[in-house]
Amino acid sequence: MTPDAQRLVRDSFAKIAPNAEGAAGVFYDRLFVLDPSLRLLRPAVGNRDLIQAYSDVLEHKWLLSERAGHDVGLKAAIEAYLAEGAPAPEQAPPDLPIADLPIADLPTV
């Protein structure tokens, strides 16, 4: 990267830094609207964390690509991710008082 390009990146990040969380939200919201492959993911994710879902898909893509010996592509990874039942349906936590929750048997030291 040239020194001018490095300076441009540094200056851009300096402008975004005070509102980094908001800027990241705008970036990912636009990413899921603009990328046709990611549009497949939005309905399956619902109101859950899209960034986490995107990260999960990227990991799934990596695993599929390793198995295939070549890059399978984002669209194929999303389709496989959804076909395998991901993201898993959210489940409500058990309606038990804390005292009734099972305790793991851990060795004592």
PDB file of N, CA and C in Angstrom:
ATOM      1  N   MET A   1       0.850  -1.162   0.000  1.00  0.00           N
ATOM      2  CA  MET A   1       0.000   0.000   0.000  1.00  0.00           C
ATOM      3  C   MET A   1       0.901   1.232   0.000  1.00  0.00           C
ATOM      4  N   THR A   2       0.559   2.179  -0.822  1.00  0.00           N
ATOM      5  CA  THR A   2       1.374   3.389  -0.923  1.00  0.00           C
ATOM      6  C   THR A   2       1.207   4.251   0.329  1.00  0.00           C
ATOM      7  N   PRO A   3       2.150   5.126   0.594  1.00  0.00           N
ATOM      8  CA  PRO A   3       2.008   6.030   1.742  1.00  0.00           C
ATOM      9  C   PRO A   3       0.740   6.888   1.665  1.00  0.00           C
ATOM     10  N   ASP A   4       0.370   7.340   0.457  1.00  0.00           N
ATOM     11  CA  ASP A   4      -0.859   8.129   0.310  1.00  0.00           C
ATOM     12  C   ASP A   4      -2.094   7.298   0.654  1.00  0.00           C
ATOM     13  N   ALA A   5      -2.107   6.048   0.218  1.00  0.00           N
ATOM     14  CA  ALA A   5      -3.237   5.164   0.529  1.00  0.00           C
ATOM     15  C   ALA A   5      -3.298   4.887   2.027  1.00  0.00           C
ATOM     16  N   GLN A   6      -2.149   4.693   2.647  1.00  0.00           N
ATOM     17  CA  GLN A   6      -2.119   4.475   4.101  1.00  0.00           C
ATOM     18  C   GLN A   6      -2.668   5.690   4.840  1.00  0.00           C
ATOM     19  N   ARG A   7      -2.279   6.877   4.401  1.00  0.00           N
ATOM     20  CA  ARG A   7      -2.748   8.109   5.028  1.00  0.00           C
ATOM     21  C   ARG A   7      -4.266   8.249   4.855  1.00  0.00           C
ATOM     22  N   LEU A   8      -4.758   7.924   3.677  1.00  0.00           N
ATOM     23  CA  LEU A   8      -6.198   7.997   3.410  1.00  0.00           C
ATOM     24  C   LEU A   8      -6.980   7.055   4.334  1.00  0.00           C
ATOM     25  N   VAL A   9      -6.470   5.841   4.514  1.00  0.00           N
ATOM     26  CA  VAL A   9      -7.123   4.880   5.405  1.00  0.00           C
ATOM     27  C   VAL A   9      -7.099   5.388   6.842  1.00  0.00           C
ATOM     28  N   ARG A  10      -5.948   5.876   7.304  1.00  0.00           N
ATOM     29  CA  ARG A  10      -5.838   6.409   8.667  1.00  0.00           C
ATOM     30  C   ARG A  10      -6.792   7.581   8.879  1.00  0.00           C
ATOM     31  N   ASP A  11      -6.838   8.502   7.916  1.00  0.00           N
ATOM     32  CA  ASP A  11      -7.718   9.671   8.037  1.00  0.00           C
ATOM     33  C   ASP A  11      -9.186   9.258   8.051  1.00  0.00           C
ATOM     34  N   SER A  12      -9.533   8.279   7.224  1.00  0.00           N
ATOM     35  CA  SER A  12     -10.922   7.803   7.179  1.00  0.00           C
ATOM     36  C   SER A  12     -11.320   7.174   8.510  1.00  0.00           C
ATOM     37  N   PHE A  13     -10.440   6.330   9.054  1.00  0.00           N
ATOM     38  CA  PHE A  13     -10.742   5.705  10.346  1.00  0.00           C
ATOM     39  C   PHE A  13     -10.827   6.740  11.459  1.00  0.00           C
ATOM     40  N   ALA A  14     -10.005   7.772  11.402  1.00  0.00           N
ATOM     41  CA  ALA A  14     -10.040   8.825  12.422  1.00  0.00           C
ATOM     42  C   ALA A  14     -11.382   9.548  12.398  1.00  0.00           C
ATOM     43  N   LYS A  15     -11.956   9.734  11.221  1.00  0.00           N
ATOM     44  CA  LYS A  15     -13.261  10.394  11.116  1.00  0.00           C
ATOM     45  C   LYS A  15     -14.389   9.507  11.632  1.00  0.00           C
ATOM     46  N   ILE A  16     -14.257   8.204  11.463  1.00  0.00           N
ATOM     47  CA  ILE A  16     -15.306   7.265  11.866  1.00  0.00           C
ATOM     48  C   ILE A  16     -15.206   6.899  13.342  1.00  0.00           C
ATOM     49  N   ALA A  17     -14.018   6.917  13.903  1.00  0.00           N
ATOM     50  CA  ALA A  17     -13.769   6.431  15.261  1.00  0.00           C
ATOM     51  C   ALA A  17     -14.737   6.969  16.316  1.00  0.00           C
ATOM     52  N   PRO A  18     -15.077   8.273  16.311  1.00  0.00           N
ATOM     53  CA  PRO A  18     -15.989   8.753  17.356  1.00  0.00           C
ATOM     54  C   PRO A  18     -17.370   8.099  17.318  1.00  0.00           C
ATOM     55  N   ASN A  19     -17.770   7.584  16.172  1.00  0.00           N
ATOM     56  CA  ASN A  19     -19.072   6.922  16.058  1.00  0.00           C
ATOM     57  C   ASN A  19     -18.892   5.538  15.421  1.00  0.00           C
ATOM     58  N   ALA A  20     -17.903   4.801  15.889  1.00  0.00           N
ATOM     59  CA  ALA A  20     -17.559   3.511  15.284  1.00  0.00           C
ATOM     60  C   ALA A  20     -18.721   2.527  15.318  1.00  0.00           C
ATOM     61  N   GLU A  21     -19.421   2.449  16.429  1.00  0.00           N
ATOM     62  CA  GLU A  21     -20.521   1.484  16.544  1.00  0.00           C
ATOM     63  C   GLU A  21     -21.639   1.814  15.556  1.00  0.00           C
ATOM     64  N   GLY A  22     -21.976   3.075  15.460  1.00  0.00           N
ATOM     65  CA  GLY A  22     -23.015   3.491  14.510  1.00  0.00           C
ATOM     66  C   GLY A  22     -22.588   3.247  13.076  1.00  0.00           C
ATOM     67  N   ALA A  23     -21.324   3.546  12.780  1.00  0.00           N
ATOM     68  CA  ALA A  23     -20.810   3.337  11.421  1.00  0.00           C
ATOM     69  C   ALA A  23     -20.822   1.851  11.063  1.00  0.00           C
ATOM     70  N   ALA A  24     -20.467   0.998  11.998  1.00  0.00           N
ATOM     71  CA  ALA A  24     -20.485  -0.452  11.736  1.00  0.00           C
ATOM     72  C   ALA A  24     -21.912  -0.916  11.477  1.00  0.00           C
ATOM     73  N   GLY A  25     -22.859  -0.392  12.247  1.00  0.00           N
ATOM     74  CA  GLY A  25     -24.260  -0.762  12.037  1.00  0.00           C
ATOM     75  C   GLY A  25     -24.750  -0.371  10.655  1.00  0.00           C
ATOM     76  N   VAL A  26     -24.409   0.842  10.233  1.00  0.00           N
ATOM     77  CA  VAL A  26     -24.799   1.302   8.893  1.00  0.00           C
ATOM     78  C   VAL A  26     -24.146   0.429   7.832  1.00  0.00           C
ATOM     79  N   PHE A  27     -22.853   0.129   8.008  1.00  0.00           N
ATOM     80  CA  PHE A  27     -22.136  -0.697   7.039  1.00  0.00           C
ATOM     81  C   PHE A  27     -22.810  -2.054   6.872  1.00  0.00           C
ATOM     82  N   TYR A  28     -23.074  -2.751   7.987  1.00  0.00           N
ATOM     83  CA  TYR A  28     -23.652  -4.092   7.886  1.00  0.00           C
ATOM     84  C   TYR A  28     -25.101  -4.057   7.429  1.00  0.00           C
ATOM     85  N   ASP A  29     -25.859  -3.041   7.828  1.00  0.00           N
ATOM     86  CA  ASP A  29     -27.231  -2.932   7.326  1.00  0.00           C
ATOM     87  C   ASP A  29     -27.235  -2.774   5.816  1.00  0.00           C
ATOM     88  N   ARG A  30     -26.353  -1.932   5.295  1.00  0.00           N
ATOM     89  CA  ARG A  30     -26.266  -1.736   3.844  1.00  0.00           C
ATOM     90  C   ARG A  30     -25.723  -2.990   3.151  1.00  0.00           C
ATOM     91  N   LEU A  31     -24.779  -3.652   3.778  1.00  0.00           N
ATOM     92  CA  LEU A  31     -24.205  -4.859   3.199  1.00  0.00           C
ATOM     93  C   LEU A  31     -25.288  -5.907   2.967  1.00  0.00           C
ATOM     94  N   PHE A  32     -26.166  -6.070   3.949  1.00  0.00           N
ATOM     95  CA  PHE A  32     -27.216  -7.076   3.824  1.00  0.00           C
ATOM     96  C   PHE A  32     -28.294  -6.674   2.834  1.00  0.00           C
ATOM     97  N   VAL A  33     -28.411  -5.390   2.532  1.00  0.00           N
ATOM     98  CA  VAL A  33     -29.381  -4.930   1.538  1.00  0.00           C
ATOM     99  C   VAL A  33     -28.793  -5.027   0.135  1.00  0.00           C
ATOM    100  N   LEU A  34     -27.539  -4.659  -0.011  1.00  0.00           N
ATOM    101  CA  LEU A  34     -26.933  -4.544  -1.335  1.00  0.00           C
ATOM    102  C   LEU A  34     -26.410  -5.849  -1.906  1.00  0.00           C
ATOM    103  N   ASP A  35     -25.895  -6.736  -1.079  1.00  0.00           N
ATOM    104  CA  ASP A  35     -25.310  -7.978  -1.585  1.00  0.00           C
ATOM    105  C   ASP A  35     -26.418  -8.994  -1.837  1.00  0.00           C
ATOM    106  N   PRO A  36     -26.625  -9.379  -3.093  1.00  0.00           N
ATOM    107  CA  PRO A  36     -27.713 -10.316  -3.408  1.00  0.00           C
ATOM    108  C   PRO A  36     -27.605 -11.646  -2.659  1.00  0.00           C
ATOM    109  N   SER A  37     -26.382 -12.126  -2.438  1.00  0.00           N
ATOM    110  CA  SER A  37     -26.213 -13.395  -1.719  1.00  0.00           C
ATOM    111  C   SER A  37     -26.696 -13.270  -0.289  1.00  0.00           C
ATOM    112  N   LEU A  38     -26.359 -12.150   0.343  1.00  0.00           N
ATOM    113  CA  LEU A  38     -26.721 -11.975   1.752  1.00  0.00           C
ATOM    114  C   LEU A  38     -28.211 -11.736   1.946  1.00  0.00           C
ATOM    115  N   ARG A  39     -28.891 -11.314   0.882  1.00  0.00           N
ATOM    116  CA  ARG A  39     -30.346 -11.151   0.987  1.00  0.00           C
ATOM    117  C   ARG A  39     -31.017 -12.484   1.302  1.00  0.00           C
ATOM    118  N   LEU A  40     -30.413 -13.593   0.887  1.00  0.00           N
ATOM    119  CA  LEU A  40     -30.955 -14.913   1.196  1.00  0.00           C
ATOM    120  C   LEU A  40     -30.930 -15.189   2.698  1.00  0.00           C
ATOM    121  N   LEU A  41     -29.961 -14.609   3.370  1.00  0.00           N
ATOM    122  CA  LEU A  41     -29.753 -14.877   4.784  1.00  0.00           C
ATOM    123  C   LEU A  41     -30.698 -14.095   5.685  1.00  0.00           C
ATOM    124  N   ARG A  42     -31.036 -12.861   5.308  1.00  0.00           N
ATOM    125  CA  ARG A  42     -31.831 -11.988   6.165  1.00  0.00           C
ATOM    126  C   ARG A  42     -33.147 -12.620   6.634  1.00  0.00           C
ATOM    127  N   PRO A  43     -33.970 -13.211   5.755  1.00  0.00           N
ATOM    128  CA  PRO A  43     -35.234 -13.783   6.249  1.00  0.00           C
ATOM    129  C   PRO A  43     -35.029 -14.922   7.256  1.00  0.00           C
ATOM    130  N   ALA A  44     -33.971 -15.700   7.073  1.00  0.00           N
ATOM    131  CA  ALA A  44     -33.722 -16.827   7.986  1.00  0.00           C
ATOM    132  C   ALA A  44     -33.238 -16.358   9.343  1.00  0.00           C
ATOM    133  N   VAL A  45     -32.554 -15.231   9.374  1.00  0.00           N
ATOM    134  CA  VAL A  45     -31.986 -14.726  10.621  1.00  0.00           C
ATOM    135  C   VAL A  45     -33.044 -14.018  11.457  1.00  0.00           C
ATOM    136  N   GLY A  46     -34.013 -13.395  10.789  1.00  0.00           N
ATOM    137  CA  GLY A  46     -35.054 -12.675  11.521  1.00  0.00           C
ATOM    138  C   GLY A  46     -34.469 -11.501  12.282  1.00  0.00           C
ATOM    139  N   ASN A  47     -34.819 -11.403  13.553  1.00  0.00           N
ATOM    140  CA  ASN A  47     -34.346 -10.262  14.344  1.00  0.00           C
ATOM    141  C   ASN A  47     -33.071 -10.577  15.124  1.00  0.00           C
ATOM    142  N   ARG A  48     -32.436 -11.702  14.791  1.00  0.00           N
ATOM    143  CA  ARG A  48     -31.177 -12.029  15.461  1.00  0.00           C
ATOM    144  C   ARG A  48     -30.023 -11.230  14.876  1.00  0.00           C
ATOM    145  N   ASP A  49     -28.858 -11.387  15.427  1.00  0.00           N
ATOM    146  CA  ASP A  49     -27.676 -10.612  15.064  1.00  0.00           C
ATOM    147  C   ASP A  49     -27.180 -10.992  13.666  1.00  0.00           C
ATOM    148  N   LEU A  50     -27.346 -10.077  12.712  1.00  0.00           N
ATOM    149  CA  LEU A  50     -26.921 -10.339  11.340  1.00  0.00           C
ATOM    150  C   LEU A  50     -25.412 -10.472  11.222  1.00  0.00           C
ATOM    151  N   ILE A  51     -24.690  -9.723  12.026  1.00  0.00           N
ATOM    152  CA  ILE A  51     -23.230  -9.795  11.960  1.00  0.00           C
ATOM    153  C   ILE A  51     -22.754 -11.174  12.395  1.00  0.00           C
ATOM    154  N   GLN A  52     -23.368 -11.724  13.433  1.00  0.00           N
ATOM    155  CA  GLN A  52     -22.998 -13.067  13.876  1.00  0.00           C
ATOM    156  C   GLN A  52     -23.366 -14.096  12.816  1.00  0.00           C
ATOM    157  N   ALA A  53     -24.531 -13.927  12.200  1.00  0.00           N
ATOM    158  CA  ALA A  53     -24.947 -14.852  11.145  1.00  0.00           C
ATOM    159  C   ALA A  53     -23.970 -14.792   9.968  1.00  0.00           C
ATOM    160  N   TYR A  54     -23.558 -13.584   9.607  1.00  0.00           N
ATOM    161  CA  TYR A  54     -22.597 -13.426   8.520  1.00  0.00           C
ATOM    162  C   TYR A  54     -21.279 -14.106   8.875  1.00  0.00           C
ATOM    163  N   SER A  55     -20.835 -13.940  10.098  1.00  0.00           N
ATOM    164  CA  SER A  55     -19.603 -14.600  10.553  1.00  0.00           C
ATOM    165  C   SER A  55     -19.750 -16.117  10.495  1.00  0.00           C
ATOM    166  N   ASP A  56     -20.907 -16.627  10.903  1.00  0.00           N
ATOM    167  CA  ASP A  56     -21.160 -18.067  10.846  1.00  0.00           C
ATOM    168  C   ASP A  56     -21.113 -18.575   9.409  1.00  0.00           C
ATOM    169  N   VAL A  57     -21.689 -17.806   8.489  1.00  0.00           N
ATOM    170  CA  VAL A  57     -21.684 -18.198   7.077  1.00  0.00           C
ATOM    171  C   VAL A  57     -20.257 -18.207   6.528  1.00  0.00           C
ATOM    172  N   LEU A  58     -19.470 -17.204   6.903  1.00  0.00           N
ATOM    173  CA  LEU A  58     -18.080 -17.176   6.430  1.00  0.00           C
ATOM    174  C   LEU A  58     -17.297 -18.385   6.934  1.00  0.00           C
ATOM    175  N   GLU A  59     -17.550 -18.776   8.180  1.00  0.00           N
ATOM    176  CA  GLU A  59     -16.895 -19.982   8.703  1.00  0.00           C
ATOM    177  C   GLU A  59     -17.382 -21.217   7.940  1.00  0.00           C
ATOM    178  N   HIS A  60     -18.682 -21.282   7.675  1.00  0.00           N
ATOM    179  CA  HIS A  60     -19.254 -22.408   6.929  1.00  0.00           C
ATOM    180  C   HIS A  60     -18.635 -22.461   5.523  1.00  0.00           C
ATOM    181  N   LYS A  61     -18.488 -21.294   4.905  1.00  0.00           N
ATOM    182  CA  LYS A  61     -17.874 -21.209   3.573  1.00  0.00           C
ATOM    183  C   LYS A  61     -16.446 -21.741   3.609  1.00  0.00           C
ATOM    184  N   TRP A  62     -15.713 -21.360   4.625  1.00  0.00           N
ATOM    185  CA  TRP A  62     -14.328 -21.819   4.744  1.00  0.00           C
ATOM    186  C   TRP A  62     -14.285 -23.337   4.860  1.00  0.00           C
ATOM    187  N   LEU A  63     -15.140 -23.907   5.722  1.00  0.00           N
ATOM    188  CA  LEU A  63     -15.155 -25.357   5.907  1.00  0.00           C
ATOM    189  C   LEU A  63     -15.533 -26.081   4.618  1.00  0.00           C
ATOM    190  N   LEU A  64     -16.567 -25.578   3.928  1.00  0.00           N
ATOM    191  CA  LEU A  64     -16.978 -26.201   2.661  1.00  0.00           C
ATOM    192  C   LEU A  64     -15.866 -26.091   1.615  1.00  0.00           C
ATOM    193  N   SER A  65     -15.208 -24.948   1.569  1.00  0.00           N
ATOM    194  CA  SER A  65     -14.138 -24.739   0.592  1.00  0.00           C
ATOM    195  C   SER A  65     -12.940 -25.643   0.869  1.00  0.00           C
ATOM    196  N   GLU A  66     -12.611 -25.803   2.141  1.00  0.00           N
ATOM    197  CA  GLU A  66     -11.519 -26.715   2.511  1.00  0.00           C
ATOM    198  C   GLU A  66     -11.847 -28.136   2.064  1.00  0.00           C
ATOM    199  N   ARG A  67     -13.091 -28.547   2.314  1.00  0.00           N
ATOM    200  CA  ARG A  67     -13.514 -29.895   1.939  1.00  0.00           C
ATOM    201  C   ARG A  67     -13.492 -30.084   0.421  1.00  0.00           C
ATOM    202  N   ALA A  68     -13.915 -29.029  -0.320  1.00  0.00           N
ATOM    203  CA  ALA A  68     -13.990 -29.124  -1.780  1.00  0.00           C
ATOM    204  C   ALA A  68     -12.636 -28.912  -2.453  1.00  0.00           C
ATOM    205  N   GLY A  69     -11.697 -28.301  -1.746  1.00  0.00           N
ATOM    206  CA  GLY A  69     -10.396 -28.030  -2.333  1.00  0.00           C
ATOM    207  C   GLY A  69     -10.369 -26.773  -3.184  1.00  0.00           C
ATOM    208  N   HIS A  70     -11.435 -25.980  -3.122  1.00  0.00           N
ATOM    209  CA  HIS A  70     -11.490 -24.709  -3.843  1.00  0.00           C
ATOM    210  C   HIS A  70     -12.560 -23.830  -3.191  1.00  0.00           C
ATOM    211  N   ASP A  71     -12.544 -22.548  -3.527  1.00  0.00           N
ATOM    212  CA  ASP A  71     -13.519 -21.609  -2.973  1.00  0.00           C
ATOM    213  C   ASP A  71     -14.898 -21.927  -3.534  1.00  0.00           C
ATOM    214  N   VAL A  72     -15.846 -22.240  -2.653  1.00  0.00           N
ATOM    215  CA  VAL A  72     -17.191 -22.600  -3.111  1.00  0.00           C
ATOM    216  C   VAL A  72     -18.061 -21.383  -3.382  1.00  0.00           C
ATOM    217  N   GLY A  73     -17.648 -20.230  -2.919  1.00  0.00           N
ATOM    218  CA  GLY A  73     -18.419 -19.015  -3.146  1.00  0.00           C
ATOM    219  C   GLY A  73     -19.402 -18.747  -2.017  1.00  0.00           C
ATOM    220  N   LEU A  74     -19.726 -17.486  -1.848  1.00  0.00           N
ATOM    221  CA  LEU A  74     -20.599 -17.069  -0.750  1.00  0.00           C
ATOM    222  C   LEU A  74     -22.026 -17.565  -0.933  1.00  0.00           C
ATOM    223  N   LYS A  75     -22.562 -17.468  -2.142  1.00  0.00           N
ATOM    224  CA  LYS A  75     -23.949 -17.894  -2.372  1.00  0.00           C
ATOM    225  C   LYS A  75     -24.115 -19.383  -2.068  1.00  0.00           C
ATOM    226  N   ALA A  76     -23.203 -20.205  -2.540  1.00  0.00           N
ATOM    227  CA  ALA A  76     -23.286 -21.649  -2.276  1.00  0.00           C
ATOM    228  C   ALA A  76     -23.172 -21.933  -0.785  1.00  0.00           C
ATOM    229  N   ALA A  77     -22.322 -21.180  -0.090  1.00  0.00           N
ATOM    230  CA  ALA A  77     -22.160 -21.373   1.357  1.00  0.00           C
ATOM    231  C   ALA A  77     -23.433 -21.005   2.091  1.00  0.00           C
ATOM    232  N   ILE A  78     -24.075 -19.904   1.698  1.00  0.00           N
ATOM    233  CA  ILE A  78     -25.335 -19.510   2.341  1.00  0.00           C
ATOM    234  C   ILE A  78     -26.406 -20.550   2.083  1.00  0.00           C
ATOM    235  N   GLU A  79     -26.512 -21.010   0.851  1.00  0.00           N
ATOM    236  CA  GLU A  79     -27.525 -22.023   0.525  1.00  0.00           C
ATOM    237  C   GLU A  79     -27.296 -23.304   1.328  1.00  0.00           C
ATOM    238  N   ALA A  80     -26.048 -23.738   1.457  1.00  0.00           N
ATOM    239  CA  ALA A  80     -25.745 -24.942   2.241  1.00  0.00           C
ATOM    240  C   ALA A  80     -26.025 -24.705   3.721  1.00  0.00           C
ATOM    241  N   TYR A  81     -25.659 -23.533   4.217  1.00  0.00           N
ATOM    242  CA  TYR A  81     -25.885 -23.151   5.621  1.00  0.00           C
ATOM    243  C   TYR A  81     -27.374 -23.222   5.950  1.00  0.00           C
ATOM    244  N   LEU A  82     -28.198 -22.670   5.071  1.00  0.00           N
ATOM    245  CA  LEU A  82     -29.647 -22.683   5.298  1.00  0.00           C
ATOM    246  C   LEU A  82     -30.232 -24.079   5.109  1.00  0.00           C
ATOM    247  N   ALA A  83     -29.734 -24.822   4.125  1.00  0.00           N
ATOM    248  CA  ALA A  83     -30.239 -26.176   3.870  1.00  0.00           C
ATOM    249  C   ALA A  83     -29.957 -27.117   5.038  1.00  0.00           C
ATOM    250  N   GLU A  84     -28.877 -26.845   5.761  1.00  0.00           N
ATOM    251  CA  GLU A  84     -28.519 -27.681   6.909  1.00  0.00           C
ATOM    252  C   GLU A  84     -29.256 -27.272   8.178  1.00  0.00           C
ATOM    253  N   GLY A  85     -30.183 -26.299   8.040  1.00  0.00           N
ATOM    254  CA  GLY A  85     -31.001 -25.920   9.188  1.00  0.00           C
ATOM    255  C   GLY A  85     -30.442 -24.792  10.018  1.00  0.00           C
ATOM    256  N   ALA A  86     -29.471 -24.092   9.518  1.00  0.00           N
ATOM    257  CA  ALA A  86     -28.911 -22.978  10.274  1.00  0.00           C
ATOM    258  C   ALA A  86     -29.541 -21.680   9.782  1.00  0.00           C
ATOM    259  N   PRO A  87     -29.629 -20.683  10.592  1.00  0.00           N
ATOM    260  CA  PRO A  87     -29.317 -20.704  12.012  1.00  0.00           C
ATOM    261  C   PRO A  87     -30.362 -21.508  12.776  1.00  0.00           C
ATOM    262  N   ALA A  88     -29.924 -22.140  13.833  1.00  0.00           N
ATOM    263  CA  ALA A  88     -30.825 -22.967  14.636  1.00  0.00           C
ATOM    264  C   ALA A  88     -31.942 -22.103  15.212  1.00  0.00           C
ATOM    265  N   PRO A  89     -33.136 -22.655  15.320  1.00  0.00           N
ATOM    266  CA  PRO A  89     -34.232 -21.888  15.912  1.00  0.00           C
ATOM    267  C   PRO A  89     -33.890 -21.498  17.342  1.00  0.00           C
ATOM    268  N   GLU A  90     -34.306 -20.294  17.698  1.00  0.00           N
ATOM    269  CA  GLU A  90     -34.073 -19.861  19.073  1.00  0.00           C
ATOM    270  C   GLU A  90     -35.013 -20.628  19.993  1.00  0.00           C
ATOM    271  N   GLN A  91     -34.499 -20.989  21.142  1.00  0.00           N
ATOM    272  CA  GLN A  91     -35.308 -21.695  22.131  1.00  0.00           C
ATOM    273  C   GLN A  91     -35.379 -20.860  23.386  1.00  0.00           C
ATOM    274  N   ALA A  92     -36.556 -20.836  23.962  1.00  0.00           N
ATOM    275  CA  ALA A  92     -36.715 -20.116  25.218  1.00  0.00           C
ATOM    276  C   ALA A  92     -35.969 -20.871  26.309  1.00  0.00           C
ATOM    277  N   PRO A  93     -35.386 -20.155  27.256  1.00  0.00           N
ATOM    278  CA  PRO A  93     -34.710 -20.846  28.355  1.00  0.00           C
ATOM    279  C   PRO A  93     -35.730 -21.617  29.178  1.00  0.00           C
ATOM    280  N   PRO A  94     -35.306 -22.682  29.841  1.00  0.00           N
ATOM    281  CA  PRO A  94     -36.257 -23.457  30.641  1.00  0.00           C
ATOM    282  C   PRO A  94     -36.847 -22.580  31.738  1.00  0.00           C
ATOM    283  N   ASP A  95     -38.114 -22.823  32.022  1.00  0.00           N
ATOM    284  CA  ASP A  95     -38.812 -22.040  33.037  1.00  0.00           C
ATOM    285  C   ASP A  95     -38.673 -22.742  34.383  1.00  0.00           C
ATOM    286  N   LEU A  96     -37.429 -22.764  34.872  1.00  0.00           N
ATOM    287  CA  LEU A  96     -37.140 -23.426  36.140  1.00  0.00           C
ATOM    288  C   LEU A  96     -36.503 -22.431  37.097  1.00  0.00           C
ATOM    289  N   PRO A  97     -36.816 -22.541  38.359  1.00  0.00           N
ATOM    290  CA  PRO A  97     -36.072 -21.718  39.314  1.00  0.00           C
ATOM    291  C   PRO A  97     -34.615 -22.159  39.316  1.00  0.00           C
ATOM    292  N   ILE A  98     -33.736 -21.253  39.661  1.00  0.00           N
ATOM    293  CA  ILE A  98     -32.298 -21.531  39.670  1.00  0.00           C
ATOM    294  C   ILE A  98     -31.975 -22.784  40.478  1.00  0.00           C
ATOM    295  N   ALA A  99     -32.634 -22.994  41.579  1.00  0.00           N
ATOM    296  CA  ALA A  99     -32.341 -24.143  42.454  1.00  0.00           C
ATOM    297  C   ALA A  99     -32.623 -25.466  41.752  1.00  0.00           C
ATOM    298  N   ASP A 100     -33.510 -25.476  40.743  1.00  0.00           N
ATOM    299  CA  ASP A 100     -33.863 -26.719  40.064  1.00  0.00           C
ATOM    300  C   ASP A 100     -33.003 -27.010  38.839  1.00  0.00           C
ATOM    301  N   LEU A 101     -32.136 -26.082  38.447  1.00  0.00           N
ATOM    302  CA  LEU A 101     -31.291 -26.321  37.277  1.00  0.00           C
ATOM    303  C   LEU A 101     -30.251 -27.384  37.599  1.00  0.00           C
ATOM    304  N   PRO A 102     -29.969 -28.278  36.652  1.00  0.00           N
ATOM    305  CA  PRO A 102     -28.969 -29.325  36.916  1.00  0.00           C
ATOM    306  C   PRO A 102     -27.592 -28.724  37.116  1.00  0.00           C
ATOM    307  N   ILE A 103     -26.823 -29.344  37.975  1.00  0.00           N
ATOM    308  CA  ILE A 103     -25.459 -28.924  38.252  1.00  0.00           C
ATOM    309  C   ILE A 103     -24.527 -29.991  37.720  1.00  0.00           C
ATOM    310  N   ALA A 104     -23.527 -29.564  36.974  1.00  0.00           N
ATOM    311  CA  ALA A 104     -22.571 -30.516  36.417  1.00  0.00           C
ATOM    312  C   ALA A 104     -21.769 -31.129  37.528  1.00  0.00           C
ATOM    313  N   ASP A 105     -21.473 -32.424  37.382  1.00  0.00           N
ATOM    314  CA  ASP A 105     -20.612 -33.095  38.330  1.00  0.00           C
ATOM    315  C   ASP A 105     -19.168 -32.764  38.003  1.00  0.00           C
ATOM    316  N   LEU A 106     -18.574 -31.923  38.807  1.00  0.00           N
ATOM    317  CA  LEU A 106     -17.193 -31.527  38.588  1.00  0.00           C
ATOM    318  C   LEU A 106     -16.321 -32.163  39.661  1.00  0.00           C
ATOM    319  N   PRO A 107     -15.142 -32.562  39.288  1.00  0.00           N
ATOM    320  CA  PRO A 107     -14.255 -33.136  40.307  1.00  0.00           C
ATOM    321  C   PRO A 107     -13.844 -32.060  41.304  1.00  0.00           C
ATOM    322  N   THR A 108     -13.739 -32.453  42.555  1.00  0.00           N
ATOM    323  CA  THR A 108     -13.287 -31.506  43.555  1.00  0.00           C
ATOM    324  C   THR A 108     -11.772 -31.560  43.629  1.00  0.00           C
ATOM    325  N   VAL A 109     -11.203 -30.439  43.961  1.00  0.00           N
ATOM    326  CA  VAL A 109      -9.736 -30.351  44.009  1.00  0.00           C
ATOM    327  C   VAL A 109      -9.279 -30.331  45.432  1.00  0.00           C
TER     328      VAL A 109
END
